[in-house]
Structure formats: C-alpha cells, structure tokens
C-alpha cells in the first residue's frame, strides 16, 4: 500500500527527533458535553459501521497488529463501539484469556455483545462505563487498546483518562492507541477542525498530538507508526506504563 491509495495507512516508523515531527499548532477543544456524546452514539450505534468503518477499519487493524494480543492475556478495549476490535481481541486471547470492552453508550454495548455472540466468543464481555473512571482494580490488564477514542476527550480530560489507563494496566503491560494526528497541518486538517467547531456533537473526534501526550502521561518505550487514511494523518502508538 502507498499514499496513492486514499485509504492506505503508511506503517513506516518515524524517528521522534525528525524536525518534521515538531507540532505545527494547537489542538481544537471538544465543546460538546458528555451526555450529548452518549446520546449521539446511542443513536448512531445501529448504523455506525456503515458511516465509520470504511475510515477506521485499516488503522484499527494495524493497531491490533501492533498490540499483538496473545493467548491467555487479559485485554481491555476502551470505547469498544460496535465490537469490531473486541471480537478480534477475544479471538486472540482464546479460551484461557479475557477480552473486556467498555463503552459509554448502551447502544454500542448492545451491538458489541451481539457481535461477540454471533462470533461464538464466550471469552469476551462488554460493560457500559466511562473511560475517566474505569470500574476495574489496579494492574488487572495485560494490554489495553483504544482506537479513535482518546481524541474524543477535551484536552483537560485526556490526562485523567490516561491516568486511569495507566492504573488498570499491569506494570509489565502495554497500551496501543490509534488516533487522528494533528501533525498534518494542511488544508484538510483545517477544514476538518472547522467542521468539528461548527458541529461538535456530530464531528467530535479531532486530531491530537498522540506521542507527546502519552509521554507527558508517563508512558515509555513508545513505538510509533504514522500514515494517512483518506488523506487524514493518523498515529498508531504502542507503549508501556512507566
């Protein structure tokens, strides 16, 4: 695959000391309230895959490959949505492991549970909950996956979210995050952020600086892949708790 394909993801790692990696500008705020997000994703749950999966499928698959869940592991999928990643995680951990999905929207949880049932995967489970206050004990997961989720939170909330993710991960565990990237400071990013500002409930996902954010939150051993999907910059970062 190459960038000539508008749906392609370039998985080539880039060095963090590359001058082109310098952040080009501030990220946009998220102004819609959490209740609006929950209601919107409840409404969207029945046809979310029709709208979003053509965009999300390839980088999500790349993120799952980077996470590399193994048989017997305990894995959490934050913002599991319709369960596309959760099904793959449940298959990867097998009958000796556990794959847990959590989502703020009950509609998404219902769709995820149905996806697990249709796949015959009893090792997967789904609960409704908030990523800022995860209902799990400390150090309980070997791996955590989040695809197009972190950038849904307003900037002040992101560190609270990452603190929770850090808390529930085993010290030897790992995190993989897939996110829209603010590094692409071109016309398409400007148009997207303008639409986000005009319709914050319906276009609530905005580009962020993923690598820098994870470092600031205390994660280490960052492995970064960068690319584009439909010309939008994407970052895929795997890291570990410090």
C-alpha atoms as a PDB file:
ATOM      1  CA  UNK A   1       0.000   0.000   0.000  1.00  0.00           C
ATOM      2  CA  UNK A   2       1.098   3.570  -0.619  1.00  0.00           C
ATOM      3  CA  UNK A   3      -0.336   7.008  -0.017  1.00  0.00           C
ATOM      4  CA  UNK A   4      -1.547   6.898  -3.619  1.00  0.00           C
ATOM      5  CA  UNK A   5      -4.362   4.828  -2.144  1.00  0.00           C
ATOM      6  CA  UNK A   6      -6.526   7.311  -0.185  1.00  0.00           C
ATOM      7  CA  UNK A   7      -7.480   4.589   2.274  1.00  0.00           C
ATOM      8  CA  UNK A   8      -3.914   3.379   2.834  1.00  0.00           C
ATOM      9  CA  UNK A   9      -2.011   3.555   6.101  1.00  0.00           C
ATOM     10  CA  UNK A  10       1.743   4.069   5.952  1.00  0.00           C
ATOM     11  CA  UNK A  11       3.085   1.975   8.817  1.00  0.00           C
ATOM     12  CA  UNK A  12       6.701   3.113   8.482  1.00  0.00           C
ATOM     13  CA  UNK A  13       8.045   4.308  11.867  1.00  0.00           C
ATOM     14  CA  UNK A  14       9.356   7.864  12.034  1.00  0.00           C
ATOM     15  CA  UNK A  15      12.106   8.969  14.399  1.00  0.00           C
ATOM     16  CA  UNK A  16      10.943  11.263  17.195  1.00  0.00           C
ATOM     17  CA  UNK A  17      13.937  13.593  16.559  1.00  0.00           C
ATOM     18  CA  UNK A  18      12.856  14.247  12.978  1.00  0.00           C
ATOM     19  CA  UNK A  19      12.383  18.055  12.617  1.00  0.00           C
ATOM     20  CA  UNK A  20       9.220  17.384  10.633  1.00  0.00           C
ATOM     21  CA  UNK A  21       7.780  15.873  13.823  1.00  0.00           C
ATOM     22  CA  UNK A  22       7.613  19.268  15.565  1.00  0.00           C
ATOM     23  CA  UNK A  23       3.979  20.075  16.474  1.00  0.00           C
ATOM     24  CA  UNK A  24       2.582  22.604  13.966  1.00  0.00           C
ATOM     25  CA  UNK A  25      -0.082  24.202  16.191  1.00  0.00           C
ATOM     26  CA  UNK A  26      -2.634  23.856  18.995  1.00  0.00           C
ATOM     27  CA  UNK A  27      -5.362  21.216  19.047  1.00  0.00           C
ATOM     28  CA  UNK A  28      -9.029  22.105  18.920  1.00  0.00           C
ATOM     29  CA  UNK A  29     -11.191  21.858  22.050  1.00  0.00           C
ATOM     30  CA  UNK A  30     -14.081  19.412  22.468  1.00  0.00           C
ATOM     31  CA  UNK A  31     -17.068  21.532  23.451  1.00  0.00           C
ATOM     32  CA  UNK A  32     -19.969  19.078  23.436  1.00  0.00           C
ATOM     33  CA  UNK A  33     -20.980  17.679  26.849  1.00  0.00           C
ATOM     34  CA  UNK A  34     -20.500  14.011  27.722  1.00  0.00           C
ATOM     35  CA  UNK A  35     -24.258  13.436  27.793  1.00  0.00           C
ATOM     36  CA  UNK A  36     -24.508  14.632  24.195  1.00  0.00           C
ATOM     37  CA  UNK A  37     -21.781  12.187  23.179  1.00  0.00           C
ATOM     38  CA  UNK A  38     -23.520   9.293  24.912  1.00  0.00           C
ATOM     39  CA  UNK A  39     -26.881  10.108  23.306  1.00  0.00           C
ATOM     40  CA  UNK A  40     -25.326  10.603  19.872  1.00  0.00           C
ATOM     41  CA  UNK A  41     -23.505   7.264  19.901  1.00  0.00           C
ATOM     42  CA  UNK A  42     -26.635   5.535  21.194  1.00  0.00           C
ATOM     43  CA  UNK A  43     -28.491   6.900  18.187  1.00  0.00           C
ATOM     44  CA  UNK A  44     -25.644   6.060  15.822  1.00  0.00           C
ATOM     45  CA  UNK A  45     -24.996   2.532  17.111  1.00  0.00           C
ATOM     46  CA  UNK A  46     -27.237   0.709  14.657  1.00  0.00           C
ATOM     47  CA  UNK A  47     -25.542   2.125  11.568  1.00  0.00           C
ATOM     48  CA  UNK A  48     -22.180   3.313  12.901  1.00  0.00           C
ATOM     49  CA  UNK A  49     -20.224   0.750  10.888  1.00  0.00           C
ATOM     50  CA  UNK A  50     -21.771   1.971   7.641  1.00  0.00           C
ATOM     51  CA  UNK A  51     -20.565   5.504   8.335  1.00  0.00           C
ATOM     52  CA  UNK A  52     -17.278   4.993  10.168  1.00  0.00           C
ATOM     53  CA  UNK A  53     -15.882   1.550   9.453  1.00  0.00           C
ATOM     54  CA  UNK A  54     -14.599   2.367   5.933  1.00  0.00           C
ATOM     55  CA  UNK A  55     -12.429   5.009   7.634  1.00  0.00           C
ATOM     56  CA  UNK A  56     -11.499   3.159  10.818  1.00  0.00           C
ATOM     57  CA  UNK A  57     -11.016  -0.451   9.671  1.00  0.00           C
ATOM     58  CA  UNK A  58      -7.486  -0.284   8.299  1.00  0.00           C
ATOM     59  CA  UNK A  59      -5.805   1.745  11.066  1.00  0.00           C
ATOM     60  CA  UNK A  60      -7.689  -0.299  13.652  1.00  0.00           C
ATOM     61  CA  UNK A  61      -6.317  -3.489  12.119  1.00  0.00           C
ATOM     62  CA  UNK A  62      -2.814  -2.003  12.144  1.00  0.00           C
ATOM     63  CA  UNK A  63      -3.231  -1.094  15.806  1.00  0.00           C
ATOM     64  CA  UNK A  64      -4.358  -4.608  16.700  1.00  0.00           C
ATOM     65  CA  UNK A  65      -1.305  -5.961  14.895  1.00  0.00           C
ATOM     66  CA  UNK A  66       0.948  -3.631  16.909  1.00  0.00           C
ATOM     67  CA  UNK A  67      -0.751  -4.553  20.203  1.00  0.00           C
ATOM     68  CA  UNK A  68      -0.271  -8.261  19.403  1.00  0.00           C
ATOM     69  CA  UNK A  69      -2.631  -9.781  21.980  1.00  0.00           C
ATOM     70  CA  UNK A  70      -1.661 -13.343  22.944  1.00  0.00           C
ATOM     71  CA  UNK A  71      -3.493 -16.413  24.256  1.00  0.00           C
ATOM     72  CA  UNK A  72      -4.287 -16.197  27.956  1.00  0.00           C
ATOM     73  CA  UNK A  73      -3.955 -12.419  28.240  1.00  0.00           C
ATOM     74  CA  UNK A  74      -6.398 -10.034  29.899  1.00  0.00           C
ATOM     75  CA  UNK A  75      -7.174  -7.259  27.405  1.00  0.00           C
ATOM     76  CA  UNK A  76      -9.350  -4.137  27.670  1.00  0.00           C
ATOM     77  CA  UNK A  77     -10.850  -2.368  24.649  1.00  0.00           C
ATOM     78  CA  UNK A  78     -11.781   1.192  25.697  1.00  0.00           C
ATOM     79  CA  UNK A  79     -14.526   2.722  23.585  1.00  0.00           C
ATOM     80  CA  UNK A  80     -15.268  -0.655  22.048  1.00  0.00           C
ATOM     81  CA  UNK A  81     -18.070   0.730  19.885  1.00  0.00           C
ATOM     82  CA  UNK A  82     -19.651  -1.957  17.733  1.00  0.00           C
ATOM     83  CA  UNK A  83     -17.152  -4.599  18.819  1.00  0.00           C
ATOM     84  CA  UNK A  84     -15.051  -4.931  15.674  1.00  0.00           C
ATOM     85  CA  UNK A  85     -11.760  -4.808  17.608  1.00  0.00           C
ATOM     86  CA  UNK A  86     -13.178  -6.627  20.620  1.00  0.00           C
ATOM     87  CA  UNK A  87     -14.071  -9.669  18.525  1.00  0.00           C
ATOM     88  CA  UNK A  88     -10.507  -9.836  17.207  1.00  0.00           C
ATOM     89  CA  UNK A  89      -9.086  -9.429  20.708  1.00  0.00           C
ATOM     90  CA  UNK A  90     -11.316 -12.191  22.091  1.00  0.00           C
ATOM     91  CA  UNK A  91     -10.138 -14.497  19.321  1.00  0.00           C
ATOM     92  CA  UNK A  92      -6.504 -13.602  20.017  1.00  0.00           C
ATOM     93  CA  UNK A  93      -6.618 -14.256  23.774  1.00  0.00           C
ATOM     94  CA  UNK A  94      -8.533 -17.512  23.304  1.00  0.00           C
ATOM     95  CA  UNK A  95     -10.471 -19.503  25.886  1.00  0.00           C
ATOM     96  CA  UNK A  96      -7.747 -19.065  28.518  1.00  0.00           C
ATOM     97  CA  UNK A  97      -7.835 -15.258  28.258  1.00  0.00           C
ATOM     98  CA  UNK A  98     -10.315 -12.446  28.769  1.00  0.00           C
ATOM     99  CA  UNK A  99     -11.292  -9.596  26.454  1.00  0.00           C
ATOM    100  CA  UNK A 100     -13.351  -6.800  28.019  1.00  0.00           C
ATOM    101  CA  UNK A 101     -14.991  -3.981  26.111  1.00  0.00           C
ATOM    102  CA  UNK A 102     -16.249  -0.784  27.693  1.00  0.00           C
ATOM    103  CA  UNK A 103     -18.265   1.985  26.062  1.00  0.00           C
ATOM    104  CA  UNK A 104     -20.206   4.975  27.335  1.00  0.00           C
ATOM    105  CA  UNK A 105     -23.175   4.291  25.035  1.00  0.00           C
ATOM    106  CA  UNK A 106     -25.569   1.464  25.891  1.00  0.00           C
ATOM    107  CA  UNK A 107     -26.478   1.137  22.219  1.00  0.00           C
ATOM    108  CA  UNK A 108     -22.867   0.452  21.304  1.00  0.00           C
ATOM    109  CA  UNK A 109     -22.615  -2.083  24.138  1.00  0.00           C
ATOM    110  CA  UNK A 110     -25.627  -3.974  22.816  1.00  0.00           C
ATOM    111  CA  UNK A 111     -24.143  -4.119  19.325  1.00  0.00           C
ATOM    112  CA  UNK A 112     -20.790  -5.316  20.725  1.00  0.00           C
ATOM    113  CA  UNK A 113     -22.436  -8.060  22.783  1.00  0.00           C
ATOM    114  CA  UNK A 114     -24.298  -9.227  19.698  1.00  0.00           C
ATOM    115  CA  UNK A 115     -21.051  -9.276  17.688  1.00  0.00           C
ATOM    116  CA  UNK A 116     -19.373 -11.462  20.319  1.00  0.00           C
ATOM    117  CA  UNK A 117     -22.379 -13.784  20.454  1.00  0.00           C
ATOM    118  CA  UNK A 118     -22.534 -14.065  16.663  1.00  0.00           C
ATOM    119  CA  UNK A 119     -18.840 -14.990  16.659  1.00  0.00           C
ATOM    120  CA  UNK A 120     -19.366 -17.572  19.412  1.00  0.00           C
ATOM    121  CA  UNK A 121     -16.801 -15.910  21.668  1.00  0.00           C
ATOM    122  CA  UNK A 122     -17.543 -16.551  25.328  1.00  0.00           C
ATOM    123  CA  UNK A 123     -14.234 -15.056  26.449  1.00  0.00           C
ATOM    124  CA  UNK A 124     -15.432 -11.564  25.535  1.00  0.00           C
ATOM    125  CA  UNK A 125     -17.607  -9.345  27.710  1.00  0.00           C
ATOM    126  CA  UNK A 126     -18.960  -5.801  27.414  1.00  0.00           C
ATOM    127  CA  UNK A 127     -19.889  -3.268  30.074  1.00  0.00           C
ATOM    128  CA  UNK A 128     -21.191   0.286  29.941  1.00  0.00           C
ATOM    129  CA  UNK A 129     -18.866   2.769  31.586  1.00  0.00           C
ATOM    130  CA  UNK A 130     -16.762   5.919  31.427  1.00  0.00           C
ATOM    131  CA  UNK A 131     -13.081   5.854  30.457  1.00  0.00           C
ATOM    132  CA  UNK A 132     -12.298   8.518  33.051  1.00  0.00           C
ATOM    133  CA  UNK A 133     -13.445   6.274  35.934  1.00  0.00           C
ATOM    134  CA  UNK A 134     -12.840   2.669  34.917  1.00  0.00           C
ATOM    135  CA  UNK A 135     -14.609   0.110  37.157  1.00  0.00           C
ATOM    136  CA  UNK A 136     -11.564  -2.155  37.452  1.00  0.00           C
ATOM    137  CA  UNK A 137      -8.872  -2.888  40.032  1.00  0.00           C
ATOM    138  CA  UNK A 138      -5.292  -1.690  39.665  1.00  0.00           C
ATOM    139  CA  UNK A 139      -2.847  -3.603  37.441  1.00  0.00           C
ATOM    140  CA  UNK A 140      -5.535  -6.009  36.196  1.00  0.00           C
ATOM    141  CA  UNK A 141      -4.967  -5.928  32.396  1.00  0.00           C
ATOM    142  CA  UNK A 142      -2.023  -7.151  30.344  1.00  0.00           C
ATOM    143  CA  UNK A 143      -2.958  -4.932  27.402  1.00  0.00           C
ATOM    144  CA  UNK A 144      -5.254  -2.023  26.600  1.00  0.00           C
ATOM    145  CA  UNK A 145      -6.476  -0.967  23.156  1.00  0.00           C
ATOM    146  CA  UNK A 146      -8.154   2.290  22.124  1.00  0.00           C
ATOM    147  CA  UNK A 147      -8.943   3.167  18.524  1.00  0.00           C
ATOM    148  CA  UNK A 148     -10.216   6.673  17.659  1.00  0.00           C
ATOM    149  CA  UNK A 149     -11.217   7.213  21.285  1.00  0.00           C
ATOM    150  CA  UNK A 150      -8.658   9.407  23.076  1.00  0.00           C
ATOM    151  CA  UNK A 151      -9.245  12.345  20.733  1.00  0.00           C
ATOM    152  CA  UNK A 152     -12.938  12.380  21.745  1.00  0.00           C
ATOM    153  CA  UNK A 153     -11.993  13.855  25.132  1.00  0.00           C
ATOM    154  CA  UNK A 154     -11.371  17.531  25.684  1.00  0.00           C
ATOM    155  CA  UNK A 155      -7.760  18.390  26.432  1.00  0.00           C
ATOM    156  CA  UNK A 156      -8.139  18.773  30.238  1.00  0.00           C
ATOM    157  CA  UNK A 157      -9.771  15.317  30.428  1.00  0.00           C
ATOM    158  CA  UNK A 158      -7.155  13.459  28.374  1.00  0.00           C
ATOM    159  CA  UNK A 159      -4.651  13.227  31.229  1.00  0.00           C
ATOM    160  CA  UNK A 160      -7.360  11.917  33.573  1.00  0.00           C
ATOM    161  CA  UNK A 161      -8.222   9.253  31.024  1.00  0.00           C
ATOM    162  CA  UNK A 162      -4.592   8.225  30.566  1.00  0.00           C
ATOM    163  CA  UNK A 163      -4.070   8.127  34.333  1.00  0.00           C
ATOM    164  CA  UNK A 164      -6.906   5.590  34.538  1.00  0.00           C
ATOM    165  CA  UNK A 165      -5.478   3.541  31.682  1.00  0.00           C
ATOM    166  CA  UNK A 166      -2.100   3.569  33.419  1.00  0.00           C
ATOM    167  CA  UNK A 167      -3.727   2.469  36.687  1.00  0.00           C
ATOM    168  CA  UNK A 168      -5.524  -0.597  35.307  1.00  0.00           C
ATOM    169  CA  UNK A 169      -2.532  -1.810  33.277  1.00  0.00           C
ATOM    170  CA  UNK A 170      -0.132  -4.317  34.772  1.00  0.00           C
ATOM    171  CA  UNK A 171       3.313  -2.680  35.197  1.00  0.00           C
ATOM    172  CA  UNK A 172       4.605  -5.055  32.534  1.00  0.00           C
ATOM    173  CA  UNK A 173       1.574  -4.464  30.298  1.00  0.00           C
ATOM    174  CA  UNK A 174       1.217  -2.407  27.154  1.00  0.00           C
ATOM    175  CA  UNK A 175      -1.088   0.135  25.574  1.00  0.00           C
ATOM    176  CA  UNK A 176      -1.858   0.713  21.899  1.00  0.00           C
ATOM    177  CA  UNK A 177      -3.671   3.869  20.808  1.00  0.00           C
ATOM    178  CA  UNK A 178      -4.880   4.737  17.312  1.00  0.00           C
ATOM    179  CA  UNK A 179      -5.671   8.414  16.788  1.00  0.00           C
ATOM    180  CA  UNK A 180      -6.125  11.175  14.280  1.00  0.00           C
ATOM    181  CA  UNK A 181      -2.896  13.176  14.254  1.00  0.00           C
ATOM    182  CA  UNK A 182      -2.539  16.958  14.456  1.00  0.00           C
ATOM    183  CA  UNK A 183       0.836  16.733  12.714  1.00  0.00           C
ATOM    184  CA  UNK A 184      -0.777  17.194   9.332  1.00  0.00           C
ATOM    185  CA  UNK A 185      -1.280  20.954   9.474  1.00  0.00           C
ATOM    186  CA  UNK A 186      -2.628  21.242   5.932  1.00  0.00           C
ATOM    187  CA  UNK A 187      -5.873  22.424   4.335  1.00  0.00           C
ATOM    188  CA  UNK A 188      -7.691  19.150   5.014  1.00  0.00           C
ATOM    189  CA  UNK A 189      -6.927  19.354   8.740  1.00  0.00           C
ATOM    190  CA  UNK A 190      -8.138  22.960   8.793  1.00  0.00           C
ATOM    191  CA  UNK A 191     -11.398  22.028   7.060  1.00  0.00           C
ATOM    192  CA  UNK A 192     -11.948  19.093   9.419  1.00  0.00           C
ATOM    193  CA  UNK A 193     -11.329  21.207  12.520  1.00  0.00           C
ATOM    194  CA  UNK A 194     -13.681  23.883  11.180  1.00  0.00           C
ATOM    195  CA  UNK A 195     -16.450  21.313  10.747  1.00  0.00           C
ATOM    196  CA  UNK A 196     -15.648  19.993  14.239  1.00  0.00           C
ATOM    197  CA  UNK A 197     -16.090  23.517  15.616  1.00  0.00           C
ATOM    198  CA  UNK A 198     -19.388  24.015  13.799  1.00  0.00           C
ATOM    199  CA  UNK A 199     -20.851  20.596  14.676  1.00  0.00           C
ATOM    200  CA  UNK A 200     -19.096  19.466  17.888  1.00  0.00           C
ATOM    201  CA  UNK A 201     -21.630  16.762  18.745  1.00  0.00           C
ATOM    202  CA  UNK A 202     -21.598  15.044  15.364  1.00  0.00           C
ATOM    203  CA  UNK A 203     -17.919  15.564  14.484  1.00  0.00           C
ATOM    204  CA  UNK A 204     -16.487  15.253  17.983  1.00  0.00           C
ATOM    205  CA  UNK A 205     -13.257  13.482  17.086  1.00  0.00           C
ATOM    206  CA  UNK A 206     -10.429  15.957  16.418  1.00  0.00           C
ATOM    207  CA  UNK A 207      -6.688  15.478  15.734  1.00  0.00           C
ATOM    208  CA  UNK A 208      -4.269  15.410  18.691  1.00  0.00           C
ATOM    209  CA  UNK A 209      -0.522  15.007  19.328  1.00  0.00           C
ATOM    210  CA  UNK A 210      -0.629  11.409  20.429  1.00  0.00           C
ATOM    211  CA  UNK A 211       3.044  10.624  21.037  1.00  0.00           C
ATOM    212  CA  UNK A 212       3.723  13.759  23.093  1.00  0.00           C
ATOM    213  CA  UNK A 213       0.538  13.229  25.091  1.00  0.00           C
ATOM    214  CA  UNK A 214       1.469   9.667  26.028  1.00  0.00           C
ATOM    215  CA  UNK A 215       4.964  10.735  27.064  1.00  0.00           C
ATOM    216  CA  UNK A 216       3.537  13.506  29.217  1.00  0.00           C
ATOM    217  CA  UNK A 217       1.204  10.974  30.855  1.00  0.00           C
ATOM    218  CA  UNK A 218       4.159   8.831  31.918  1.00  0.00           C
ATOM    219  CA  UNK A 219       4.213   6.076  29.312  1.00  0.00           C
ATOM    220  CA  UNK A 220       7.524   4.855  27.871  1.00  0.00           C
ATOM    221  CA  UNK A 221       9.062   2.612  25.197  1.00  0.00           C
ATOM    222  CA  UNK A 222       6.968   4.274  22.512  1.00  0.00           C
ATOM    223  CA  UNK A 223       6.777   2.571  19.126  1.00  0.00           C
ATOM    224  CA  UNK A 224       5.137   4.906  16.619  1.00  0.00           C
ATOM    225  CA  UNK A 225       3.654   4.346  13.203  1.00  0.00           C
ATOM    226  CA  UNK A 226       2.368   7.234  11.117  1.00  0.00           C
ATOM    227  CA  UNK A 227       0.327   7.340   7.961  1.00  0.00           C
ATOM    228  CA  UNK A 228      -2.797   8.641   6.310  1.00  0.00           C
ATOM    229  CA  UNK A 229      -6.333   7.410   5.864  1.00  0.00           C
ATOM    230  CA  UNK A 230      -8.349   9.240   3.225  1.00  0.00           C
ATOM    231  CA  UNK A 231      -5.570  11.879   3.427  1.00  0.00           C
ATOM    232  CA  UNK A 232      -6.105  12.401   7.157  1.00  0.00           C
ATOM    233  CA  UNK A 233      -2.916  11.901   9.241  1.00  0.00           C
ATOM    234  CA  UNK A 234      -3.083   9.010  11.723  1.00  0.00           C
ATOM    235  CA  UNK A 235      -0.757   7.951  14.556  1.00  0.00           C
ATOM    236  CA  UNK A 236      -0.558   4.432  15.993  1.00  0.00           C
ATOM    237  CA  UNK A 237       1.481   4.268  19.196  1.00  0.00           C
ATOM    238  CA  UNK A 238       2.322   1.255  21.363  1.00  0.00           C
ATOM    239  CA  UNK A 239       3.822   1.967  24.780  1.00  0.00           C
ATOM    240  CA  UNK A 240       4.185   0.717  28.356  1.00  0.00           C
ATOM    241  CA  UNK A 241       3.480   2.166  31.809  1.00  0.00           C
ATOM    242  CA  UNK A 242       6.496   3.957  33.269  1.00  0.00           C
END
